[in-house]
Amino acid sequence: MLAWLSAALLATLLAACSGSDEEDKPDRRSQAERAGIGELRSAPGATVFVANLSFSLRNYGDLTAIAYSIEPRAGTWSKPLAVSVDKSWLDRRGAYQSGSARLELPVFGLYAAHANGVKLRASFRDGSQHDFRATVSTAPYAGPAELYTRPDIRTARSAERAPGLDFVLVRNGLSSPVVIDTDGHMRWTGAPLADSFSSMFGDGNFTIGSQSEPVLYRMDVGGAFTSVRLDVPKYTNFHHELAPGKTGMLAELDAVEGGVNRVESILAEIDASGKVLKEWDLGGIFAAHMRARGDDPSRFVVDGADWFHMNSAIYHAPDNSLLISSRENFVVKLDYDTGAIRWLFGDTSKHWYVNFPSLRALALRLVEGKAPIGQHSLSVTPDGQLLLFNNGLGSLTQPPGAPRGATRSFSTPSRYAIDETAGSAREVWTWEADGDRSRARLYSDICSSVYEGTPGNYLVAYSVANARTSARLIGVDTHGKIAFDFAYPTNVCDTVFMAQPLAWNDLKLR
């Protein structure tokens, strides 16, 4: 009996020691292996282009990023929509629920009416990764932007036709911003808004200025939005563009001061909270300049009239300047800090040049090509050249008897090399043809845009072709080779006010 008890006690002690060793043994699994990622669930987002994908995750604190890509549809050529999401972005969104140990991720850019294959990768602090995938089935899109689901594809993208861009942001008068790919598939829109004329994308959010009140909407990639009012009561509404500024956003605004309407002649830099950081009153700037040099500004700066018609404004960091498009007159370059006018560039048969020596003295001399007339969508290329859409429509609201300048029968994208020392400008690239078939010129007298995607590849939007009944989106290179050409019906500028390349093939949310 004693021998049996001794044997049993020894066995118990050995088992205890063995169990203690197992408990003390370090877990050598990687953080990805310990994550326990699984139990994937998908819920509908704000629109069919967004799904809220959730999954179990035990060690959220070890996570550094989640990346996903959406597999292209068969027979398409646009690169996969690919997004990398840092943990800090997820933290701000409150994406992790510690009680249920689940992470919810908005997956956006899905094809409508399609079983979307989504590849995901979770990355962790120790460098380990976990790859997994999901299938997200979506319904057809129905809503105010439905016409973008039915483009007239005049030239389809192919293996031989590489446009240098894959996704396009369409600012429009029908809904919140729309994103399409360069195969013609609609890939995103958010909760319905009246329009998105004044809008931009940055830091994972769309920002939209109201055309009817001084309200700024902020819409995240999941499609939901919040709104704030501007903190200066004189402003009545946004118009035309929003663009990145020096520290905030450049907003084109209408205002009422002392009972006088300031029509499309005020530019302000604002932040996301609606605070106004800086303002440039173009009426005051031009009146002061002209008066100081002996000109009477009263027949140029006309209170209550659309004498300037600002339609594009951008900040140029290399020389701390603003480039502003006045459809009625010219492109003007201002000093950001002082508002001093550096130069003017436009049609020299117009009122501003013919009748005012103080403005004529600031004019750049065109040495080759054609001048900008009624232009839109200013941008500066990586090599410092000015790119704009050259509409060709003469002035509409000059004083009675004042020269309105030329009006062309065609519109083009135009790129200029500007020599500020010599005071000259040269048109170094333009494109006048409608595809590679008829070689007929297109005319789009208002709205419209051109932006460079990758060097030598352009996205051109003819907002109001065919007597303002058709909008065209065309990808074309320096040599005039068309990569894609989509047409949509339009009522004036509603379908495509402007269109910009959007780098959703490599989007990083931080």
Protein backbone atom coordinates (compact mmCIF):
# COMPACT_ATOMS: atom_id res chain seq x y z
CA MET A 1 0.00 0.00 0.00
CA LEU A 2 2.77 2.43 0.92
CA ALA A 3 4.60 1.61 -2.31
CA TRP A 4 1.43 2.34 -4.32
CA LEU A 5 0.92 5.71 -2.62
CA SER A 6 4.54 6.69 -3.22
CA ALA A 7 4.21 5.83 -6.92
CA ALA A 8 0.97 7.81 -7.22
CA LEU A 9 2.49 10.81 -5.46
CA LEU A 10 5.52 10.73 -7.76
CA ALA A 11 3.27 10.60 -10.83
CA THR A 12 1.26 13.56 -9.57
CA LEU A 13 4.39 15.61 -8.92
CA LEU A 14 5.78 14.81 -12.36
CA ALA A 15 2.49 15.79 -14.00
CA ALA A 16 2.45 19.06 -12.06
CA CYS A 17 5.98 19.85 -13.12
CA SER A 18 5.14 19.00 -16.69
CA GLY A 19 2.07 21.28 -16.64
CA SER A 20 4.05 24.13 -15.15
CA ASP A 21 6.65 23.78 -17.89
CA GLU A 22 3.96 24.00 -20.55
CA GLU A 23 2.43 27.09 -18.96
CA ASP A 24 5.80 28.82 -18.64
CA LYS A 25 6.82 27.98 -22.19
CA PRO A 26 6.80 31.23 -24.30
CA ASP A 27 4.30 31.54 -27.16
CA ARG A 28 6.52 31.59 -30.22
CA ARG A 29 3.71 32.21 -32.67
CA SER A 30 3.81 35.42 -34.67
CA GLN A 31 1.33 38.19 -33.92
CA ALA A 32 -0.43 37.33 -37.18
CA GLU A 33 -0.81 33.72 -36.03
CA ARG A 34 -2.19 34.80 -32.66
CA ALA A 35 -4.67 37.24 -34.25
CA GLY A 36 -7.38 34.66 -34.82
CA ILE A 37 -8.73 36.49 -37.86
CA GLY A 38 -11.96 34.91 -39.05
CA GLU A 39 -15.75 35.00 -38.89
CA LEU A 40 -16.00 37.47 -41.77
CA ARG A 41 -19.30 39.30 -42.10
CA SER A 42 -20.44 41.90 -44.64
CA ALA A 43 -23.12 44.54 -44.20
CA PRO A 44 -24.34 47.11 -46.77
CA GLY A 45 -22.79 50.58 -46.66
CA ALA A 46 -24.24 53.99 -47.52
CA THR A 47 -24.46 52.98 -51.20
CA VAL A 48 -23.96 49.74 -53.14
CA PHE A 49 -20.36 50.77 -53.80
CA VAL A 50 -19.51 50.43 -50.09
CA ALA A 51 -19.67 47.46 -47.74
CA ASN A 52 -18.85 47.30 -44.04
CA LEU A 53 -16.67 44.22 -43.68
CA SER A 54 -16.05 42.96 -40.14
CA PHE A 55 -13.98 40.11 -38.75
CA SER A 56 -12.72 38.74 -35.45
CA LEU A 57 -9.32 39.99 -34.25
CA ARG A 58 -7.89 39.11 -30.83
CA ASN A 59 -4.84 41.39 -30.71
CA TYR A 60 -5.88 44.73 -32.21
CA GLY A 61 -3.11 46.47 -30.27
CA ASP A 62 -0.50 44.65 -32.36
CA LEU A 63 -2.06 45.65 -35.68
CA THR A 64 -0.31 48.30 -37.80
CA ALA A 65 -2.38 48.36 -41.00
CA ILE A 66 -5.03 46.67 -43.09
CA ALA A 67 -4.76 46.68 -46.88
CA TYR A 68 -7.25 45.49 -49.44
CA SER A 69 -7.67 45.37 -53.19
CA ILE A 70 -10.74 44.67 -55.30
CA GLU A 71 -10.23 42.21 -58.12
CA PRO A 72 -10.99 43.74 -61.54
CA ARG A 73 -13.94 42.44 -63.48
CA ALA A 74 -13.21 40.10 -66.34
CA GLY A 75 -12.32 41.90 -69.56
CA THR A 76 -11.29 45.17 -67.88
CA TRP A 77 -7.94 46.96 -67.90
CA SER A 78 -8.03 49.46 -65.04
CA LYS A 79 -5.67 48.57 -62.22
CA PRO A 80 -7.23 47.06 -59.10
CA LEU A 81 -8.60 49.56 -56.63
CA ALA A 82 -6.14 49.20 -53.75
CA VAL A 83 -6.29 50.83 -50.31
CA SER A 84 -3.93 50.70 -47.33
CA VAL A 85 -5.44 51.75 -44.00
CA ASP A 86 -3.18 52.67 -41.07
CA LYS A 87 -4.24 51.73 -37.55
CA SER A 88 -4.38 55.44 -36.61
CA TRP A 89 -7.15 55.93 -39.20
CA LEU A 90 -9.04 52.97 -37.74
CA ASP A 91 -8.56 54.39 -34.23
CA ARG A 92 -10.09 57.74 -35.18
CA ARG A 93 -13.03 55.95 -36.75
CA GLY A 94 -13.60 53.76 -33.67
CA ALA A 95 -13.43 50.72 -35.92
CA TYR A 96 -12.52 48.15 -33.24
CA GLN A 97 -15.05 46.86 -30.72
CA SER A 98 -13.09 45.40 -27.81
CA GLY A 99 -16.14 43.77 -26.24
CA SER A 100 -16.75 41.54 -29.24
CA ALA A 101 -13.10 41.62 -30.41
CA ARG A 102 -14.19 42.57 -33.93
CA LEU A 103 -12.81 45.10 -36.42
CA GLU A 104 -15.10 46.80 -38.95
CA LEU A 105 -13.58 48.11 -42.17
CA PRO A 106 -15.38 50.12 -44.88
CA VAL A 107 -14.55 48.53 -48.22
CA PHE A 108 -15.34 51.05 -50.94
CA GLY A 109 -14.97 51.13 -54.71
CA LEU A 110 -16.95 47.93 -55.24
CA TYR A 111 -18.56 47.15 -58.57
CA ALA A 112 -22.36 47.37 -58.47
CA ALA A 113 -24.39 44.25 -59.32
CA HIS A 114 -21.35 42.02 -58.97
CA ALA A 115 -19.78 39.37 -56.73
CA ASN A 116 -16.64 41.33 -55.80
CA GLY A 117 -13.50 39.43 -54.89
CA VAL A 118 -11.67 41.31 -52.14
CA LYS A 119 -8.12 40.42 -51.11
CA LEU A 120 -7.08 41.61 -47.63
CA ARG A 121 -3.84 41.70 -45.69
CA ALA A 122 -3.40 42.46 -41.99
CA SER A 123 0.08 43.65 -40.94
CA PHE A 124 1.43 43.56 -37.39
CA ARG A 125 4.17 45.18 -35.31
CA ASP A 126 6.48 42.17 -35.49
CA GLY A 127 6.42 42.29 -39.30
CA SER A 128 4.14 39.29 -39.67
CA GLN A 129 1.13 39.39 -42.01
CA HIS A 130 -2.09 37.49 -42.48
CA ASP A 131 -3.67 37.25 -45.93
CA PHE A 132 -7.36 36.46 -46.34
CA ARG A 133 -10.13 37.16 -48.80
CA ALA A 134 -13.84 37.83 -48.97
CA THR A 135 -16.55 37.87 -51.59
CA VAL A 136 -18.90 40.85 -51.41
CA SER A 137 -22.01 40.71 -53.58
CA THR A 138 -23.65 44.02 -54.42
CA ALA A 139 -26.99 45.12 -55.84
CA PRO A 140 -27.44 47.32 -58.92
CA TYR A 141 -27.10 51.05 -58.28
CA ALA A 142 -30.26 53.16 -58.42
CA GLY A 143 -30.14 56.84 -57.54
CA PRO A 144 -29.58 60.38 -58.82
CA ALA A 145 -26.24 59.45 -60.46
CA GLU A 146 -27.58 56.44 -62.33
CA LEU A 147 -26.64 57.74 -65.79
CA TYR A 148 -22.96 57.07 -64.99
CA THR A 149 -23.74 53.35 -65.09
CA ARG A 150 -24.58 53.62 -68.81
CA PRO A 151 -21.77 55.40 -70.67
CA ASP A 152 -21.67 55.50 -74.44
CA ILE A 153 -18.23 53.97 -74.88
CA ARG A 154 -16.94 55.48 -78.10
CA THR A 155 -13.40 54.20 -77.53
CA ALA A 156 -12.81 51.42 -74.99
CA ARG A 157 -9.65 51.04 -73.00
CA SER A 158 -7.54 48.07 -74.08
CA ALA A 159 -4.12 46.51 -73.56
CA GLU A 160 -2.77 48.79 -76.28
CA ARG A 161 -4.43 51.92 -74.88
CA ALA A 162 -2.88 52.88 -71.52
CA PRO A 163 -4.23 56.25 -70.31
CA GLY A 164 -1.83 56.84 -67.42
CA LEU A 165 -4.71 56.86 -64.92
CA ASP A 166 -7.24 54.36 -63.67
CA PHE A 167 -9.87 56.26 -61.66
CA VAL A 168 -11.67 59.54 -62.30
CA LEU A 169 -13.40 61.91 -59.86
CA VAL A 170 -16.42 63.50 -61.53
CA ARG A 171 -17.69 66.72 -59.97
CA ASN A 172 -21.29 67.14 -61.04
CA GLY A 173 -24.65 68.81 -60.61
CA LEU A 174 -26.63 65.63 -59.95
CA SER A 175 -25.35 64.17 -56.71
CA SER A 176 -22.40 63.80 -54.38
CA PRO A 177 -19.07 63.19 -56.13
CA VAL A 178 -18.89 60.22 -58.49
CA VAL A 179 -15.90 57.98 -59.16
CA ILE A 180 -15.60 55.92 -62.33
CA ASP A 181 -12.77 53.75 -63.61
CA THR A 182 -11.22 54.05 -67.06
CA ASP A 183 -13.17 51.04 -68.30
CA GLY A 184 -16.34 53.11 -67.78
CA HIS A 185 -17.59 51.36 -64.61
CA MET A 186 -19.10 53.50 -61.87
CA ARG A 187 -17.20 52.73 -58.63
CA TRP A 188 -18.37 55.20 -55.98
CA THR A 189 -20.85 57.81 -54.92
CA GLY A 190 -21.95 58.78 -51.43
CA ALA A 191 -25.16 59.78 -49.74
CA PRO A 192 -27.24 61.97 -52.07
CA LEU A 193 -26.48 65.69 -52.13
CA ALA A 194 -27.90 68.34 -54.45
CA ASP A 195 -24.60 68.63 -56.34
CA SER A 196 -20.83 68.40 -56.02
CA PHE A 197 -19.67 71.24 -58.26
CA SER A 198 -17.41 72.66 -55.52
CA SER A 199 -15.68 69.54 -54.25
CA MET A 200 -12.31 67.92 -53.70
CA PHE A 201 -10.84 64.70 -52.34
CA GLY A 202 -8.05 64.52 -49.78
CA ASP A 203 -7.07 62.69 -46.58
CA GLY A 204 -9.68 60.03 -47.23
CA ASN A 205 -12.57 62.48 -47.39
CA PHE A 206 -14.59 64.35 -49.97
CA THR A 207 -15.24 67.99 -49.12
CA ILE A 208 -18.19 69.67 -50.84
CA GLY A 209 -19.27 73.31 -50.70
CA SER A 210 -22.97 74.10 -51.00
CA GLN A 211 -24.05 76.21 -53.98
CA SER A 212 -27.00 77.64 -52.05
CA GLU A 213 -25.62 78.44 -48.57
CA PRO A 214 -22.24 78.85 -46.81
CA VAL A 215 -22.16 75.22 -45.69
CA LEU A 216 -19.25 72.82 -46.06
CA TYR A 217 -19.99 69.08 -46.20
CA ARG A 218 -17.39 66.48 -45.27
CA MET A 219 -18.09 63.00 -46.63
CA ASP A 220 -15.86 60.06 -45.79
CA VAL A 221 -15.13 57.13 -48.09
CA GLY A 222 -17.89 55.19 -46.36
CA GLY A 223 -20.36 57.68 -47.82
CA ALA A 224 -21.71 59.35 -44.67
CA PHE A 225 -21.32 63.10 -44.18
CA THR A 226 -21.27 65.90 -41.64
CA SER A 227 -21.61 69.66 -42.23
CA VAL A 228 -20.37 72.97 -40.83
CA ARG A 229 -21.16 76.61 -41.61
CA LEU A 230 -18.48 79.14 -42.46
CA ASP A 231 -17.70 81.48 -39.57
CA VAL A 232 -17.97 84.73 -41.60
CA PRO A 233 -21.60 85.85 -42.06
CA LYS A 234 -21.10 87.86 -45.28
CA TYR A 235 -20.55 84.73 -47.38
CA THR A 236 -23.68 83.40 -49.05
CA ASN A 237 -22.55 80.30 -50.97
CA PHE A 238 -19.73 78.40 -52.63
CA HIS A 239 -19.28 78.31 -56.41
CA HIS A 240 -17.02 76.55 -58.91
CA GLU A 241 -13.93 74.93 -57.36
CA LEU A 242 -12.49 73.84 -54.05
CA ALA A 243 -8.74 73.19 -54.13
CA PRO A 244 -5.87 72.56 -51.70
CA GLY A 245 -4.45 75.81 -50.32
CA LYS A 246 -1.29 76.68 -48.44
CA THR A 247 -2.63 75.44 -45.11
CA GLY A 248 -6.32 74.77 -45.76
CA MET A 249 -8.64 74.80 -48.76
CA LEU A 250 -9.14 77.52 -51.37
CA ALA A 251 -12.84 78.32 -51.64
CA GLU A 252 -14.50 80.50 -54.26
CA LEU A 253 -17.33 82.35 -52.53
CA ASP A 254 -20.12 84.81 -53.17
CA ALA A 255 -20.81 87.45 -50.53
CA VAL A 256 -22.96 90.43 -49.61
CA GLU A 257 -21.22 93.43 -48.06
CA GLY A 258 -23.04 96.63 -47.19
CA GLY A 259 -25.98 95.50 -49.28
CA VAL A 260 -23.77 95.01 -52.35
CA ASN A 261 -23.44 91.59 -54.01
CA ARG A 262 -19.85 90.43 -54.53
CA VAL A 263 -20.33 88.05 -57.44
CA GLU A 264 -17.69 85.36 -58.05
CA SER A 265 -14.80 87.67 -57.18
CA ILE A 266 -13.76 86.58 -53.66
CA LEU A 267 -11.30 83.81 -52.83
CA ALA A 268 -10.82 82.57 -49.27
CA GLU A 269 -8.67 79.98 -47.58
CA ILE A 270 -10.72 77.97 -45.07
CA ASP A 271 -10.15 74.99 -42.82
CA ALA A 272 -12.28 71.89 -42.33
CA SER A 273 -14.11 73.47 -39.37
CA GLY A 274 -15.37 76.36 -41.52
CA LYS A 275 -12.92 78.91 -40.14
CA VAL A 276 -11.79 81.53 -42.68
CA LEU A 277 -8.00 81.81 -42.58
CA LYS A 278 -7.33 84.40 -45.29
CA GLU A 279 -9.24 86.29 -48.00
CA TRP A 280 -8.47 87.88 -51.35
CA ASP A 281 -11.10 90.33 -52.65
CA LEU A 282 -10.25 90.56 -56.35
CA GLY A 283 -12.43 93.63 -56.77
CA GLY A 284 -10.49 95.49 -54.11
CA ILE A 285 -7.13 94.21 -55.36
CA PHE A 286 -7.73 95.34 -58.95
CA ALA A 287 -9.36 98.64 -58.04
CA ALA A 288 -6.43 99.60 -55.82
CA HIS A 289 -3.86 98.60 -58.43
CA MET A 290 -5.59 100.51 -61.23
CA ARG A 291 -6.28 103.62 -59.17
CA ALA A 292 -2.67 103.84 -58.00
CA ARG A 293 -1.53 103.90 -61.65
CA GLY A 294 -3.98 106.45 -62.96
CA ASP A 295 -6.77 104.25 -64.33
CA ASP A 296 -10.42 104.57 -63.33
CA PRO A 297 -11.48 101.07 -62.21
CA SER A 298 -15.22 101.79 -62.20
CA ARG A 299 -15.67 100.52 -65.77
CA PHE A 300 -13.81 97.31 -65.00
CA VAL A 301 -14.65 96.41 -61.38
CA VAL A 302 -18.46 96.66 -61.40
CA ASP A 303 -20.16 96.05 -58.06
CA GLY A 304 -23.11 93.67 -58.26
CA ALA A 305 -22.10 92.36 -61.69
CA ASP A 306 -20.27 89.20 -62.72
CA TRP A 307 -17.31 91.26 -63.96
CA PHE A 308 -14.66 88.71 -62.94
CA HIS A 309 -16.30 85.26 -62.89
CA MET A 310 -13.70 83.34 -60.92
CA ASN A 311 -13.88 79.66 -61.88
CA SER A 312 -10.55 78.16 -60.77
CA ALA A 313 -7.92 79.02 -58.17
CA ILE A 314 -4.85 77.07 -57.07
CA TYR A 315 -1.92 77.60 -54.71
CA HIS A 316 1.58 77.31 -56.22
CA ALA A 317 4.03 76.51 -53.41
CA PRO A 318 7.38 77.00 -55.24
CA ASP A 319 6.91 80.77 -55.39
CA ASN A 320 4.14 81.22 -52.79
CA SER A 321 1.58 82.44 -55.31
CA LEU A 322 -2.02 82.02 -56.36
CA LEU A 323 -3.12 81.32 -59.92
CA ILE A 324 -6.70 82.41 -60.54
CA SER A 325 -8.86 82.06 -63.62
CA SER A 326 -11.21 84.92 -64.48
CA ARG A 327 -13.42 83.56 -67.24
CA GLU A 328 -14.37 87.09 -68.28
CA ASN A 329 -10.82 88.35 -68.58
CA PHE A 330 -7.59 86.41 -68.04
CA VAL A 331 -5.50 84.19 -65.81
CA VAL A 332 -3.97 86.25 -63.00
CA LYS A 333 -1.03 85.44 -60.74
CA LEU A 334 -1.10 86.98 -57.27
CA ASP A 335 1.41 87.03 -54.45
CA TYR A 336 -0.11 84.84 -51.72
CA ASP A 337 0.93 87.08 -48.83
CA THR A 338 0.35 90.57 -50.23
CA GLY A 339 -2.19 90.01 -53.01
CA ALA A 340 0.02 91.97 -55.43
CA ILE A 341 -0.62 91.21 -59.08
CA ARG A 342 2.40 89.59 -60.71
CA TRP A 343 1.08 89.06 -64.25
CA LEU A 344 -2.02 88.66 -66.43
CA PHE A 345 -2.45 86.29 -69.35
CA GLY A 346 -5.37 86.29 -71.75
CA ASP A 347 -6.95 87.58 -74.95
CA THR A 348 -5.49 91.02 -75.72
CA SER A 349 -8.52 92.04 -77.78
CA LYS A 350 -10.63 92.25 -74.60
CA HIS A 351 -11.69 95.26 -72.54
CA TRP A 352 -9.06 94.77 -69.83
CA TYR A 353 -6.15 95.05 -72.26
CA VAL A 354 -7.54 97.55 -74.78
CA ASN A 355 -8.76 100.18 -72.33
CA PHE A 356 -6.57 100.02 -69.21
CA PRO A 357 -2.83 100.76 -69.44
CA SER A 358 -2.28 99.68 -65.83
CA LEU A 359 -3.46 96.17 -66.71
CA ARG A 360 -1.87 96.12 -70.14
CA ALA A 361 1.51 96.64 -68.49
CA LEU A 362 1.10 93.34 -66.61
CA ALA A 363 0.21 91.24 -69.64
CA LEU A 364 2.35 88.30 -70.69
CA ARG A 365 3.30 88.36 -74.36
CA LEU A 366 2.15 85.30 -76.31
CA VAL A 367 5.01 84.15 -78.54
CA GLU A 368 3.49 80.95 -79.92
CA GLY A 369 0.08 79.30 -80.05
CA LYS A 370 -3.25 80.67 -78.89
CA ALA A 371 -4.19 82.65 -75.80
CA PRO A 372 -6.56 81.35 -73.13
CA ILE A 373 -10.14 82.49 -73.69
CA GLY A 374 -12.93 81.69 -71.21
CA GLN A 375 -10.60 79.14 -69.58
CA HIS A 376 -11.24 76.68 -66.72
CA SER A 377 -9.36 74.17 -64.51
CA LEU A 378 -5.93 75.62 -63.81
CA SER A 379 -3.11 73.30 -62.73
CA VAL A 380 0.67 73.35 -62.75
CA THR A 381 2.52 70.36 -64.20
CA PRO A 382 5.55 68.82 -62.44
CA ASP A 383 7.89 70.81 -64.71
CA GLY A 384 6.21 74.08 -63.77
CA GLN A 385 4.05 74.64 -66.87
CA LEU A 386 0.50 75.99 -66.78
CA LEU A 387 -2.23 73.59 -67.92
CA LEU A 388 -5.81 74.73 -68.52
CA PHE A 389 -8.94 74.01 -70.51
CA ASN A 390 -9.18 76.63 -73.25
CA ASN A 391 -12.93 76.98 -73.80
CA GLY A 392 -12.82 79.71 -76.46
CA LEU A 393 -15.89 81.67 -75.31
CA GLY A 394 -15.51 85.47 -75.31
CA SER A 395 -16.61 87.73 -72.45
CA LEU A 396 -20.30 87.79 -71.54
CA THR A 397 -20.71 90.64 -69.03
CA GLN A 398 -18.51 93.54 -70.11
CA PRO A 399 -19.87 97.11 -69.92
CA PRO A 400 -21.89 98.31 -72.94
CA GLY A 401 -19.64 99.05 -75.88
CA ALA A 402 -16.57 97.42 -74.31
CA PRO A 403 -14.68 94.89 -76.47
CA ARG A 404 -15.60 91.30 -75.59
CA GLY A 405 -12.70 89.65 -77.37
CA ALA A 406 -12.66 86.67 -79.69
CA THR A 407 -14.88 83.60 -79.59
CA ARG A 408 -13.60 80.43 -81.22
CA SER A 409 -15.58 77.58 -82.77
CA PHE A 410 -13.60 74.90 -80.90
CA SER A 411 -12.15 74.16 -77.46
CA THR A 412 -8.86 72.56 -76.47
CA PRO A 413 -6.65 71.64 -73.58
CA SER A 414 -3.68 74.04 -73.61
CA ARG A 415 -0.30 73.82 -71.89
CA TYR A 416 1.96 76.86 -71.56
CA ALA A 417 5.59 77.47 -70.73
CA ILE A 418 5.80 80.85 -69.00
CA ASP A 419 8.99 82.89 -68.81
CA GLU A 420 8.35 85.46 -66.09
CA THR A 421 11.69 87.17 -66.62
CA ALA A 422 10.94 87.78 -70.30
CA GLY A 423 7.23 88.33 -69.61
CA SER A 424 6.22 85.79 -72.26
CA ALA A 425 4.12 82.66 -72.68
CA ARG A 426 4.30 79.88 -75.25
CA GLU A 427 1.65 77.24 -75.92
CA VAL A 428 3.73 74.04 -75.92
CA TRP A 429 0.95 71.45 -76.23
CA THR A 430 -2.65 71.37 -77.33
CA TRP A 431 -5.09 68.86 -78.77
CA GLU A 432 -7.90 69.81 -81.09
CA ALA A 433 -9.29 66.59 -82.57
CA ASP A 434 -12.33 64.49 -81.75
CA GLY A 435 -10.75 61.06 -81.65
CA ASP A 436 -8.84 59.37 -84.42
CA ARG A 437 -11.78 59.01 -86.80
CA SER A 438 -13.40 62.22 -88.04
CA ARG A 439 -10.76 64.68 -86.78
CA ALA A 440 -13.64 67.09 -86.14
CA ARG A 441 -13.10 69.65 -83.41
CA LEU A 442 -15.17 69.70 -80.23
CA TYR A 443 -16.60 72.86 -78.71
CA SER A 444 -17.41 73.11 -75.01
CA ASP A 445 -17.94 76.78 -74.25
CA ILE A 446 -18.36 76.58 -70.46
CA CYS A 447 -17.27 74.36 -67.53
CA SER A 448 -14.86 71.56 -68.69
CA SER A 449 -11.35 70.60 -67.56
CA VAL A 450 -8.00 69.03 -68.33
CA TYR A 451 -5.55 67.43 -65.90
CA GLU A 452 -2.37 65.46 -66.40
CA GLY A 453 -2.38 61.95 -64.96
CA THR A 454 1.08 60.53 -65.46
CA PRO A 455 3.53 62.63 -67.53
CA GLY A 456 2.27 63.01 -71.08
CA ASN A 457 -1.18 61.50 -70.37
CA TYR A 458 -4.21 63.74 -69.99
CA LEU A 459 -7.80 63.47 -68.83
CA VAL A 460 -9.93 65.92 -70.81
CA ALA A 461 -13.56 66.68 -69.94
CA TYR A 462 -15.74 68.42 -72.52
CA SER A 463 -18.69 69.28 -70.28
CA VAL A 464 -21.09 70.70 -72.86
CA ALA A 465 -20.27 69.30 -76.30
CA ASN A 466 -22.85 69.05 -79.06
CA ALA A 467 -24.65 72.29 -78.21
CA ARG A 468 -24.59 71.57 -74.47
CA THR A 469 -26.29 68.15 -74.77
CA SER A 470 -23.37 65.75 -74.36
CA ALA A 471 -20.50 65.39 -71.88
CA ARG A 472 -17.30 63.66 -72.98
CA LEU A 473 -14.50 62.14 -70.91
CA ILE A 474 -11.41 61.43 -73.00
CA GLY A 475 -8.01 60.03 -72.11
CA VAL A 476 -5.41 61.23 -74.59
CA ASP A 477 -1.61 61.38 -74.69
CA THR A 478 0.80 64.05 -75.90
CA HIS A 479 0.74 62.59 -79.42
CA GLY A 480 -3.06 62.59 -79.67
CA LYS A 481 -3.55 58.84 -79.14
CA ILE A 482 -6.89 58.23 -77.43
CA ALA A 483 -6.95 55.67 -74.61
CA PHE A 484 -10.69 55.92 -73.85
CA ASP A 485 -13.64 58.09 -74.83
CA PHE A 486 -16.93 58.03 -72.90
CA ALA A 487 -20.02 60.10 -73.67
CA TYR A 488 -22.99 60.87 -71.40
CA PRO A 489 -26.16 62.91 -71.89
CA THR A 490 -26.17 66.20 -70.02
CA ASN A 491 -28.22 69.26 -69.17
CA VAL A 492 -25.68 72.08 -69.38
CA CYS A 493 -22.84 71.19 -66.92
CA ASP A 494 -24.75 68.79 -64.68
CA THR A 495 -23.19 65.49 -65.74
CA VAL A 496 -19.50 66.47 -65.80
CA PHE A 497 -18.66 69.86 -64.39
CA MET A 498 -15.00 68.90 -64.12
CA ALA A 499 -13.14 65.57 -63.94
CA GLN A 500 -9.83 64.83 -62.23
CA PRO A 501 -7.53 61.79 -62.01
CA LEU A 502 -7.89 59.97 -58.71
CA ALA A 503 -5.12 57.68 -57.45
CA TRP A 504 -7.33 54.96 -55.98
CA ASN A 505 -5.03 52.28 -57.36
CA ASP A 506 -2.71 53.14 -54.44
CA LEU A 507 -4.70 55.04 -51.83
CA LYS A 508 -3.28 55.39 -48.32
CA LEU A 509 -5.54 56.31 -45.43
CA ARG A 510 -3.52 57.52 -42.46
